[in-house]
Amino acid sequence: MKFLRLSIIVAALALGACVAPRSGSYKVTAYAPKNPDAVRVKVSTSTQNIYVLEGDRLLMGVQGCVGANGSTPKGSFRIQSKIKNKRRISQPDAGYPMAYWCDFKPAYGFHEGFVWSIPRTHGCIRMHREAAARFFALVKVGTPVSIASSQPEDKQYGHVVRKLDQRNDPDPSRAFMMSSGWFKDPAGPLLVKQ
């Protein structure tokens, strides 16, 4: 009986030590732009795909998670600000990490969070930590953003976007989410030179 109790405690501690939202060995490759001023972002709300481009060159293509019930604004925008260590300030759940925040409209931005295969957010565009960190490295204040139901890139690059569904991933411990360790970059270089 003592062994069983000890095993349960060890398992609980191991689960509580979860890091960021992860789905297996999800990895993202993002290519460094030759001209950072030529970088632009396109989002297709129907596929939830995010394309970061330099001219016709795909720097990164990933699945995100857009707003439920069409709540992600559509149109042409620009990245207005970037905050790596952003936390939610409103209730409910003030303090919740929204790492790698890049807003494109007041109260709407790209940030790290759980990615579902269906629209699930309140209007922001969430990305897996691997993607959000690289997105943050690729864009700058002023980078153009186009959000539409579909994008021409869906046909051209949609097949290379790895699909992701984190709805069944375990929640990280609240203590870790509230710690500064939450904002640590993923391992390896964020951008690959090509």
C-alpha atoms as a PDB file:
ATOM      1  CA  MET A   1       0.000   0.000   0.000  1.00  0.00           C
ATOM      2  CA  LYS A   2       2.853   2.392   0.855  1.00  0.00           C
ATOM      3  CA  PHE A   3       4.473   1.611  -2.501  1.00  0.00           C
ATOM      4  CA  LEU A   4       1.211   2.419  -4.323  1.00  0.00           C
ATOM      5  CA  ARG A   5       0.840   5.711  -2.436  1.00  0.00           C
ATOM      6  CA  LEU A   6       4.477   6.627  -3.189  1.00  0.00           C
ATOM      7  CA  SER A   7       3.962   5.767  -6.879  1.00  0.00           C
ATOM      8  CA  ILE A   8       0.921   8.050  -7.055  1.00  0.00           C
ATOM      9  CA  ILE A   9       2.858  10.926  -5.446  1.00  0.00           C
ATOM     10  CA  VAL A  10       5.800  10.473  -7.847  1.00  0.00           C
ATOM     11  CA  ALA A  11       3.431  10.376 -10.838  1.00  0.00           C
ATOM     12  CA  ALA A  12       1.640  13.532  -9.648  1.00  0.00           C
ATOM     13  CA  LEU A  13       4.952  15.354  -9.237  1.00  0.00           C
ATOM     14  CA  ALA A  14       6.062  14.285 -12.706  1.00  0.00           C
ATOM     15  CA  LEU A  15       2.823  15.532 -14.256  1.00  0.00           C
ATOM     16  CA  GLY A  16       3.121  18.811 -12.366  1.00  0.00           C
ATOM     17  CA  ALA A  17       6.555  19.347 -13.862  1.00  0.00           C
ATOM     18  CA  CYS A  18       5.165  19.650 -17.409  1.00  0.00           C
ATOM     19  CA  VAL A  19       6.694  22.479 -19.342  1.00  0.00           C
ATOM     20  CA  ALA A  20       5.000  24.327 -22.177  1.00  0.00           C
ATOM     21  CA  PRO A  21       2.114  23.017 -24.257  1.00  0.00           C
ATOM     22  CA  ARG A  22       3.609  20.256 -26.386  1.00  0.00           C
ATOM     23  CA  SER A  23       2.348  17.573 -28.713  1.00  0.00           C
ATOM     24  CA  GLY A  24       4.987  14.899 -28.992  1.00  0.00           C
ATOM     25  CA  SER A  25       8.046  16.073 -30.846  1.00  0.00           C
ATOM     26  CA  TYR A  26       6.471  19.016 -32.658  1.00  0.00           C
ATOM     27  CA  LYS A  27       9.234  21.025 -34.344  1.00  0.00           C
ATOM     28  CA  VAL A  28       9.052  24.051 -36.587  1.00  0.00           C
ATOM     29  CA  THR A  29      11.605  25.301 -39.096  1.00  0.00           C
ATOM     30  CA  ALA A  30      11.692  29.023 -39.811  1.00  0.00           C
ATOM     31  CA  TYR A  31      14.103  30.551 -42.318  1.00  0.00           C
ATOM     32  CA  ALA A  32      15.844  33.854 -41.669  1.00  0.00           C
ATOM     33  CA  PRO A  33      14.761  36.526 -44.149  1.00  0.00           C
ATOM     34  CA  LYS A  34      17.315  38.140 -46.422  1.00  0.00           C
ATOM     35  CA  ASN A  35      15.394  41.424 -46.128  1.00  0.00           C
ATOM     36  CA  PRO A  36      13.439  41.742 -42.836  1.00  0.00           C
ATOM     37  CA  ASP A  37      11.552  44.733 -44.299  1.00  0.00           C
ATOM     38  CA  ALA A  38      10.000  42.418 -46.932  1.00  0.00           C
ATOM     39  CA  VAL A  39       8.466  39.994 -44.402  1.00  0.00           C
ATOM     40  CA  ARG A  40       4.666  39.723 -44.358  1.00  0.00           C
ATOM     41  CA  VAL A  41       2.142  37.475 -42.629  1.00  0.00           C
ATOM     42  CA  LYS A  42      -0.951  35.839 -44.094  1.00  0.00           C
ATOM     43  CA  VAL A  43      -3.576  33.981 -42.074  1.00  0.00           C
ATOM     44  CA  SER A  44      -6.309  31.771 -43.487  1.00  0.00           C
ATOM     45  CA  THR A  45      -9.104  31.417 -40.931  1.00  0.00           C
ATOM     46  CA  SER A  46     -10.700  28.476 -42.787  1.00  0.00           C
ATOM     47  CA  THR A  47      -7.533  26.342 -42.549  1.00  0.00           C
ATOM     48  CA  GLN A  48      -6.101  28.124 -39.472  1.00  0.00           C
ATOM     49  CA  ASN A  49      -2.791  28.256 -41.373  1.00  0.00           C
ATOM     50  CA  ILE A  50      -0.279  31.023 -40.744  1.00  0.00           C
ATOM     51  CA  TYR A  51       2.193  31.828 -43.503  1.00  0.00           C
ATOM     52  CA  VAL A  52       5.206  34.066 -42.965  1.00  0.00           C
ATOM     53  CA  LEU A  53       6.606  35.116 -46.323  1.00  0.00           C
ATOM     54  CA  GLU A  54       9.376  37.154 -47.867  1.00  0.00           C
ATOM     55  CA  GLY A  55       8.125  37.873 -51.361  1.00  0.00           C
ATOM     56  CA  ASP A  56       7.081  34.443 -52.687  1.00  0.00           C
ATOM     57  CA  ARG A  57       9.480  32.628 -50.342  1.00  0.00           C
ATOM     58  CA  LEU A  58       7.842  30.764 -47.469  1.00  0.00           C
ATOM     59  CA  LEU A  59       9.828  31.442 -44.297  1.00  0.00           C
ATOM     60  CA  MET A  60       7.457  29.522 -42.017  1.00  0.00           C
ATOM     61  CA  GLY A  61       4.092  27.807 -42.424  1.00  0.00           C
ATOM     62  CA  VAL A  62       2.258  26.564 -39.330  1.00  0.00           C
ATOM     63  CA  GLN A  63      -1.194  25.776 -38.064  1.00  0.00           C
ATOM     64  CA  GLY A  64      -2.536  28.189 -35.497  1.00  0.00           C
ATOM     65  CA  CYS A  65      -5.823  28.430 -33.667  1.00  0.00           C
ATOM     66  CA  VAL A  66      -8.152  31.290 -34.614  1.00  0.00           C
ATOM     67  CA  GLY A  67     -11.264  32.710 -33.007  1.00  0.00           C
ATOM     68  CA  ALA A  68     -14.447  30.711 -32.580  1.00  0.00           C
ATOM     69  CA  ASN A  69     -17.547  32.024 -34.352  1.00  0.00           C
ATOM     70  CA  GLY A  70     -15.505  34.221 -36.691  1.00  0.00           C
ATOM     71  CA  SER A  71     -14.175  36.387 -33.842  1.00  0.00           C
ATOM     72  CA  THR A  72     -10.717  36.873 -35.383  1.00  0.00           C
ATOM     73  CA  PRO A  73     -10.790  40.213 -37.242  1.00  0.00           C
ATOM     74  CA  LYS A  74     -10.344  39.980 -41.013  1.00  0.00           C
ATOM     75  CA  GLY A  75      -8.560  42.568 -43.102  1.00  0.00           C
ATOM     76  CA  SER A  76      -5.183  44.222 -43.508  1.00  0.00           C
ATOM     77  CA  PHE A  77      -3.209  45.113 -40.382  1.00  0.00           C
ATOM     78  CA  ARG A  78       0.339  45.658 -39.171  1.00  0.00           C
ATOM     79  CA  ILE A  79       2.135  44.317 -36.128  1.00  0.00           C
ATOM     80  CA  GLN A  80       1.694  47.130 -33.574  1.00  0.00           C
ATOM     81  CA  SER A  81       3.835  45.885 -30.686  1.00  0.00           C
ATOM     82  CA  LYS A  82       5.779  42.864 -29.463  1.00  0.00           C
ATOM     83  CA  ILE A  83       6.015  41.681 -25.839  1.00  0.00           C
ATOM     84  CA  LYS A  84       7.806  38.385 -25.218  1.00  0.00           C
ATOM     85  CA  ASN A  85       6.755  38.038 -21.554  1.00  0.00           C
ATOM     86  CA  LYS A  86       3.148  39.206 -21.803  1.00  0.00           C
ATOM     87  CA  ARG A  87       0.560  38.016 -19.309  1.00  0.00           C
ATOM     88  CA  ARG A  88      -3.191  38.391 -19.457  1.00  0.00           C
ATOM     89  CA  ILE A  89      -4.330  41.405 -17.417  1.00  0.00           C
ATOM     90  CA  SER A  90      -8.102  40.939 -17.607  1.00  0.00           C
ATOM     91  CA  GLN A  91     -10.332  38.490 -15.770  1.00  0.00           C
ATOM     92  CA  PRO A  92     -10.954  35.656 -15.896  1.00  0.00           C
ATOM     93  CA  ASP A  93      -7.513  34.177 -15.345  1.00  0.00           C
ATOM     94  CA  ALA A  94      -5.410  37.331 -15.009  1.00  0.00           C
ATOM     95  CA  GLY A  95      -1.735  36.411 -15.089  1.00  0.00           C
ATOM     96  CA  TYR A  96      -2.140  33.634 -17.655  1.00  0.00           C
ATOM     97  CA  PRO A  97       0.941  33.682 -19.951  1.00  0.00           C
ATOM     98  CA  MET A  98       0.513  34.893 -23.515  1.00  0.00           C
ATOM     99  CA  ALA A  99       4.170  34.532 -24.499  1.00  0.00           C
ATOM    100  CA  TYR A 100       5.550  35.998 -27.725  1.00  0.00           C
ATOM    101  CA  TRP A 101       2.687  38.499 -27.990  1.00  0.00           C
ATOM    102  CA  CYS A 102       2.524  40.353 -31.325  1.00  0.00           C
ATOM    103  CA  ASP A 103      -0.628  42.458 -31.563  1.00  0.00           C
ATOM    104  CA  PHE A 104      -2.125  43.453 -34.882  1.00  0.00           C
ATOM    105  CA  LYS A 105      -5.169  45.290 -33.511  1.00  0.00           C
ATOM    106  CA  PRO A 106      -5.941  46.535 -29.993  1.00  0.00           C
ATOM    107  CA  ALA A 107      -6.704  43.470 -27.821  1.00  0.00           C
ATOM    108  CA  TYR A 108      -5.945  41.023 -30.691  1.00  0.00           C
ATOM    109  CA  GLY A 109      -2.606  39.361 -31.277  1.00  0.00           C
ATOM    110  CA  PHE A 110      -0.569  36.321 -32.114  1.00  0.00           C
ATOM    111  CA  HIS A 111       0.730  34.475 -29.050  1.00  0.00           C
ATOM    112  CA  GLU A 112       1.754  31.100 -27.661  1.00  0.00           C
ATOM    113  CA  GLY A 113      -0.975  28.790 -26.427  1.00  0.00           C
ATOM    114  CA  PHE A 114      -2.769  25.527 -27.018  1.00  0.00           C
ATOM    115  CA  VAL A 115      -3.640  24.884 -30.677  1.00  0.00           C
ATOM    116  CA  TRP A 116      -6.843  23.038 -31.499  1.00  0.00           C
ATOM    117  CA  SER A 117      -7.858  21.642 -34.870  1.00  0.00           C
ATOM    118  CA  ILE A 118     -10.984  23.832 -34.703  1.00  0.00           C
ATOM    119  CA  PRO A 119     -11.344  27.583 -34.061  1.00  0.00           C
ATOM    120  CA  ARG A 120     -11.293  27.995 -30.284  1.00  0.00           C
ATOM    121  CA  THR A 121      -9.973  31.406 -29.182  1.00  0.00           C
ATOM    122  CA  HIS A 122     -11.743  34.672 -28.328  1.00  0.00           C
ATOM    123  CA  GLY A 123     -10.224  36.243 -31.454  1.00  0.00           C
ATOM    124  CA  CYS A 124      -6.465  36.048 -30.919  1.00  0.00           C
ATOM    125  CA  ILE A 125      -4.348  33.666 -32.975  1.00  0.00           C
ATOM    126  CA  ARG A 126      -2.595  31.072 -30.839  1.00  0.00           C
ATOM    127  CA  MET A 127       0.473  29.097 -31.879  1.00  0.00           C
ATOM    128  CA  HIS A 128       2.470  26.237 -30.407  1.00  0.00           C
ATOM    129  CA  ARG A 129       5.506  27.505 -28.434  1.00  0.00           C
ATOM    130  CA  GLU A 130       7.851  26.238 -31.192  1.00  0.00           C
ATOM    131  CA  ALA A 131       5.998  28.340 -33.760  1.00  0.00           C
ATOM    132  CA  ALA A 132       5.292  31.383 -31.566  1.00  0.00           C
ATOM    133  CA  ALA A 133       8.963  31.887 -30.662  1.00  0.00           C
ATOM    134  CA  ARG A 134       9.983  31.739 -34.313  1.00  0.00           C
ATOM    135  CA  PHE A 135       7.107  33.975 -35.414  1.00  0.00           C
ATOM    136  CA  PHE A 136       8.239  36.526 -32.799  1.00  0.00           C
ATOM    137  CA  ALA A 137      11.776  36.391 -34.270  1.00  0.00           C
ATOM    138  CA  LEU A 138      10.512  36.811 -37.853  1.00  0.00           C
ATOM    139  CA  VAL A 139       8.189  39.809 -37.469  1.00  0.00           C
ATOM    140  CA  LYS A 140       8.803  43.349 -36.293  1.00  0.00           C
ATOM    141  CA  VAL A 141       6.647  46.337 -35.497  1.00  0.00           C
ATOM    142  CA  GLY A 142       5.154  47.374 -38.845  1.00  0.00           C
ATOM    143  CA  THR A 143       5.151  43.917 -40.470  1.00  0.00           C
ATOM    144  CA  PRO A 144       2.026  43.659 -42.680  1.00  0.00           C
ATOM    145  CA  VAL A 145      -0.618  41.091 -41.693  1.00  0.00           C
ATOM    146  CA  SER A 146      -3.435  39.910 -43.962  1.00  0.00           C
ATOM    147  CA  ILE A 147      -6.245  37.846 -42.417  1.00  0.00           C
ATOM    148  CA  ALA A 148      -8.945  36.349 -44.646  1.00  0.00           C
ATOM    149  CA  SER A 149     -11.173  33.288 -44.872  1.00  0.00           C
ATOM    150  CA  SER A 150      -8.700  31.824 -47.354  1.00  0.00           C
ATOM    151  CA  GLN A 151      -5.380  32.803 -48.858  1.00  0.00           C
ATOM    152  CA  PRO A 152      -3.739  31.832 -52.193  1.00  0.00           C
ATOM    153  CA  GLU A 153      -0.988  30.251 -50.077  1.00  0.00           C
ATOM    154  CA  ASP A 154      -3.465  27.568 -48.933  1.00  0.00           C
ATOM    155  CA  LYS A 155      -3.134  25.943 -52.389  1.00  0.00           C
ATOM    156  CA  GLN A 156       0.555  26.694 -52.783  1.00  0.00           C
ATOM    157  CA  TYR A 157       1.858  25.826 -49.297  1.00  0.00           C
ATOM    158  CA  GLY A 158      -1.039  24.316 -47.331  1.00  0.00           C
ATOM    159  CA  HIS A 159       0.244  20.771 -47.901  1.00  0.00           C
ATOM    160  CA  VAL A 160       3.494  21.509 -46.013  1.00  0.00           C
ATOM    161  CA  VAL A 161       1.752  22.786 -42.868  1.00  0.00           C
ATOM    162  CA  ARG A 162       1.874  20.136 -40.159  1.00  0.00           C
ATOM    163  CA  LYS A 163      -1.529  19.721 -38.519  1.00  0.00           C
ATOM    164  CA  LEU A 164      -1.718  19.955 -34.758  1.00  0.00           C
ATOM    165  CA  ASP A 165      -4.365  19.358 -32.108  1.00  0.00           C
ATOM    166  CA  GLN A 166      -3.385  19.936 -28.475  1.00  0.00           C
ATOM    167  CA  ARG A 167      -6.870  19.732 -26.961  1.00  0.00           C
ATOM    168  CA  ASN A 168      -5.968  16.555 -25.048  1.00  0.00           C
ATOM    169  CA  ASP A 169      -2.494  17.663 -23.927  1.00  0.00           C
ATOM    170  CA  PRO A 170      -2.182  17.923 -20.143  1.00  0.00           C
ATOM    171  CA  ASP A 171      -2.247  21.393 -18.638  1.00  0.00           C
ATOM    172  CA  PRO A 172       1.117  22.555 -17.304  1.00  0.00           C
ATOM    173  CA  SER A 173       1.223  23.214 -13.576  1.00  0.00           C
ATOM    174  CA  ARG A 174      -0.125  26.615 -12.562  1.00  0.00           C
ATOM    175  CA  ALA A 175       3.064  27.279 -10.574  1.00  0.00           C
ATOM    176  CA  PHE A 176       5.197  26.830 -13.682  1.00  0.00           C
ATOM    177  CA  MET A 177       2.855  28.921 -15.835  1.00  0.00           C
ATOM    178  CA  MET A 178       3.170  31.776 -13.353  1.00  0.00           C
ATOM    179  CA  SER A 179       6.966  31.505 -13.137  1.00  0.00           C
ATOM    180  CA  SER A 180       9.481  33.397 -15.268  1.00  0.00           C
ATOM    181  CA  GLY A 181      10.700  30.020 -16.581  1.00  0.00           C
ATOM    182  CA  TRP A 182       7.586  29.858 -18.736  1.00  0.00           C
ATOM    183  CA  PHE A 183       9.089  32.432 -21.126  1.00  0.00           C
ATOM    184  CA  LYS A 184      12.254  30.485 -21.983  1.00  0.00           C
ATOM    185  CA  ASP A 185      12.856  30.090 -25.728  1.00  0.00           C
ATOM    186  CA  PRO A 186      12.704  26.602 -27.234  1.00  0.00           C
ATOM    187  CA  ALA A 187      16.067  24.873 -27.747  1.00  0.00           C
ATOM    188  CA  GLY A 188      18.106  25.477 -30.868  1.00  0.00           C
ATOM    189  CA  PRO A 189      18.306  28.439 -33.222  1.00  0.00           C
ATOM    190  CA  LEU A 190      14.990  30.155 -33.812  1.00  0.00           C
ATOM    191  CA  LEU A 191      15.792  31.041 -37.426  1.00  0.00           C
ATOM    192  CA  VAL A 192      17.773  28.927 -39.915  1.00  0.00           C
ATOM    193  CA  LYS A 193      19.909  30.603 -42.576  1.00  0.00           C
ATOM    194  CA  GLN A 194      19.317  29.223 -46.046  1.00  0.00           C
END
